[in-house]
Amino acid sequence: MKNIKPFLMAVLVLLTFTMSSCELVGDIFEAGMWTALIIIVLIVLLISWLFRKFRR
């Protein structure tokens, strides 16, 4: 059982350096921001098209 502690510490250090959760969360929020921006632009274009269509 004494040999497992150094192994667990090595795995913990390896996971700390390889898995950057802050970067992952930032990428998710950035993708969500661009998706929301595209959806908002599409909705505004659809509303303006509908107004033009019903005005005639």
N, C-alpha and C. Protein backbone atom coordinates (compact mmCIF):
# COMPACT_ATOMS: atom_id res chain seq x y z
N MET A 1 0.81 -1.20 0.00
CA MET A 1 0.00 0.00 0.00
C MET A 1 0.85 1.26 0.00
N LYS A 2 2.10 1.15 0.42
CA LYS A 2 2.94 2.35 0.46
C LYS A 2 3.33 2.81 -0.93
N ASN A 3 3.29 1.93 -1.92
CA ASN A 3 3.69 2.30 -3.28
C ASN A 3 2.59 3.04 -4.04
N ILE A 4 1.38 3.01 -3.56
CA ILE A 4 0.26 3.63 -4.29
C ILE A 4 0.24 5.15 -4.13
N LYS A 5 0.73 5.67 -3.02
CA LYS A 5 0.69 7.10 -2.78
C LYS A 5 1.50 7.91 -3.80
N PRO A 6 2.73 7.53 -4.11
CA PRO A 6 3.47 8.27 -5.15
C PRO A 6 2.79 8.17 -6.53
N PHE A 7 2.20 7.01 -6.81
CA PHE A 7 1.50 6.84 -8.08
C PHE A 7 0.30 7.77 -8.17
N LEU A 8 -0.48 7.87 -7.10
CA LEU A 8 -1.64 8.75 -7.09
C LEU A 8 -1.22 10.22 -7.20
N MET A 9 -0.15 10.58 -6.55
CA MET A 9 0.34 11.96 -6.65
C MET A 9 0.79 12.27 -8.07
N ALA A 10 1.44 11.32 -8.73
CA ALA A 10 1.88 11.53 -10.11
C ALA A 10 0.67 11.68 -11.04
N VAL A 11 -0.35 10.87 -10.83
CA VAL A 11 -1.56 10.96 -11.65
C VAL A 11 -2.25 12.29 -11.41
N LEU A 12 -2.30 12.73 -10.16
CA LEU A 12 -2.94 14.00 -9.83
C LEU A 12 -2.20 15.17 -10.50
N VAL A 13 -0.90 15.16 -10.45
CA VAL A 13 -0.11 16.22 -11.10
C VAL A 13 -0.31 16.18 -12.61
N LEU A 14 -0.33 14.99 -13.19
CA LEU A 14 -0.55 14.86 -14.63
C LEU A 14 -1.92 15.39 -15.03
N LEU A 15 -2.95 15.06 -14.27
CA LEU A 15 -4.29 15.56 -14.56
C LEU A 15 -4.39 17.07 -14.40
N THR A 16 -3.67 17.60 -13.42
CA THR A 16 -3.69 19.05 -13.19
C THR A 16 -3.14 19.81 -14.39
N PHE A 17 -2.09 19.27 -14.99
CA PHE A 17 -1.47 19.96 -16.12
C PHE A 17 -2.17 19.71 -17.45
N THR A 18 -2.83 18.57 -17.59
CA THR A 18 -3.43 18.24 -18.89
C THR A 18 -4.88 18.69 -19.02
N MET A 19 -5.61 18.78 -17.93
CA MET A 19 -7.03 19.15 -17.99
C MET A 19 -7.22 20.55 -17.44
N SER A 20 -7.33 21.50 -18.34
CA SER A 20 -7.55 22.87 -17.92
C SER A 20 -9.05 23.15 -18.02
N SER A 21 -9.74 23.07 -16.91
CA SER A 21 -11.19 23.23 -16.93
C SER A 21 -11.59 24.67 -17.21
N CYS A 22 -10.80 25.63 -16.79
CA CYS A 22 -11.13 27.03 -17.05
C CYS A 22 -11.14 27.31 -18.55
N GLU A 23 -10.20 26.74 -19.26
CA GLU A 23 -10.14 26.92 -20.71
C GLU A 23 -11.34 26.27 -21.37
N LEU A 24 -11.73 25.10 -20.89
CA LEU A 24 -12.89 24.41 -21.43
C LEU A 24 -14.16 25.22 -21.21
N VAL A 25 -14.34 25.73 -20.01
CA VAL A 25 -15.54 26.53 -19.71
C VAL A 25 -15.54 27.80 -20.55
N GLY A 26 -14.40 28.43 -20.72
CA GLY A 26 -14.30 29.62 -21.55
C GLY A 26 -14.68 29.34 -23.00
N ASP A 27 -14.21 28.21 -23.52
CA ASP A 27 -14.56 27.84 -24.90
C ASP A 27 -16.05 27.57 -25.05
N ILE A 28 -16.65 26.93 -24.05
CA ILE A 28 -18.09 26.65 -24.10
C ILE A 28 -18.88 27.96 -24.09
N PHE A 29 -18.50 28.90 -23.23
CA PHE A 29 -19.21 30.17 -23.19
C PHE A 29 -19.01 30.97 -24.47
N GLU A 30 -17.82 30.90 -25.05
CA GLU A 30 -17.57 31.62 -26.30
C GLU A 30 -18.41 31.04 -27.42
N ALA A 31 -18.51 29.72 -27.50
CA ALA A 31 -19.35 29.09 -28.52
C ALA A 31 -20.81 29.46 -28.30
N GLY A 32 -21.24 29.51 -27.05
CA GLY A 32 -22.62 29.90 -26.75
C GLY A 32 -22.89 31.34 -27.12
N MET A 33 -21.90 32.19 -26.91
CA MET A 33 -22.07 33.60 -27.25
C MET A 33 -22.26 33.76 -28.76
N TRP A 34 -21.43 33.09 -29.56
CA TRP A 34 -21.55 33.21 -31.01
C TRP A 34 -22.85 32.60 -31.50
N THR A 35 -23.26 31.50 -30.90
CA THR A 35 -24.54 30.88 -31.29
C THR A 35 -25.69 31.82 -30.98
N ALA A 36 -25.69 32.42 -29.81
CA ALA A 36 -26.75 33.36 -29.44
C ALA A 36 -26.74 34.57 -30.36
N LEU A 37 -25.58 35.07 -30.71
CA LEU A 37 -25.49 36.23 -31.60
C LEU A 37 -26.07 35.91 -32.98
N ILE A 38 -25.76 34.75 -33.51
CA ILE A 38 -26.28 34.35 -34.82
C ILE A 38 -27.79 34.19 -34.75
N ILE A 39 -28.30 33.58 -33.68
CA ILE A 39 -29.75 33.40 -33.54
C ILE A 39 -30.45 34.75 -33.44
N ILE A 40 -29.89 35.68 -32.69
CA ILE A 40 -30.50 37.01 -32.55
C ILE A 40 -30.53 37.72 -33.90
N VAL A 41 -29.46 37.65 -34.66
CA VAL A 41 -29.43 38.30 -35.98
C VAL A 41 -30.47 37.66 -36.89
N LEU A 42 -30.60 36.35 -36.86
CA LEU A 42 -31.59 35.68 -37.70
C LEU A 42 -33.02 36.08 -37.30
N ILE A 43 -33.28 36.20 -36.02
CA ILE A 43 -34.61 36.60 -35.56
C ILE A 43 -34.93 38.03 -36.00
N VAL A 44 -33.97 38.93 -35.88
CA VAL A 44 -34.18 40.32 -36.31
C VAL A 44 -34.43 40.37 -37.81
N LEU A 45 -33.69 39.61 -38.58
CA LEU A 45 -33.92 39.58 -40.03
C LEU A 45 -35.29 39.01 -40.37
N LEU A 46 -35.71 37.97 -39.65
CA LEU A 46 -37.02 37.38 -39.88
C LEU A 46 -38.14 38.36 -39.55
N ILE A 47 -38.02 39.07 -38.46
CA ILE A 47 -39.03 40.06 -38.06
C ILE A 47 -39.10 41.19 -39.08
N SER A 48 -37.95 41.67 -39.52
CA SER A 48 -37.97 42.75 -40.52
C SER A 48 -38.55 42.27 -41.84
N TRP A 49 -38.29 41.04 -42.23
CA TRP A 49 -38.86 40.48 -43.45
C TRP A 49 -40.39 40.36 -43.32
N LEU A 50 -40.85 39.92 -42.14
CA LEU A 50 -42.30 39.80 -41.91
C LEU A 50 -42.98 41.15 -41.96
N PHE A 51 -42.38 42.18 -41.37
CA PHE A 51 -42.96 43.52 -41.41
C PHE A 51 -43.08 44.03 -42.85
N ARG A 52 -42.04 43.79 -43.63
CA ARG A 52 -42.09 44.22 -45.04
C ARG A 52 -43.16 43.45 -45.81
N LYS A 53 -43.29 42.18 -45.50
CA LYS A 53 -44.26 41.35 -46.20
C LYS A 53 -45.70 41.79 -45.91
N PHE A 54 -46.01 42.11 -44.64
CA PHE A 54 -47.36 42.47 -44.27
C PHE A 54 -47.70 43.94 -44.59
N ARG A 55 -46.72 44.75 -44.80
CA ARG A 55 -46.97 46.15 -45.14
C ARG A 55 -47.56 46.32 -46.53
N ARG A 56 -47.18 45.44 -47.41
CA ARG A 56 -47.61 45.56 -48.80
C ARG A 56 -49.04 45.18 -49.00
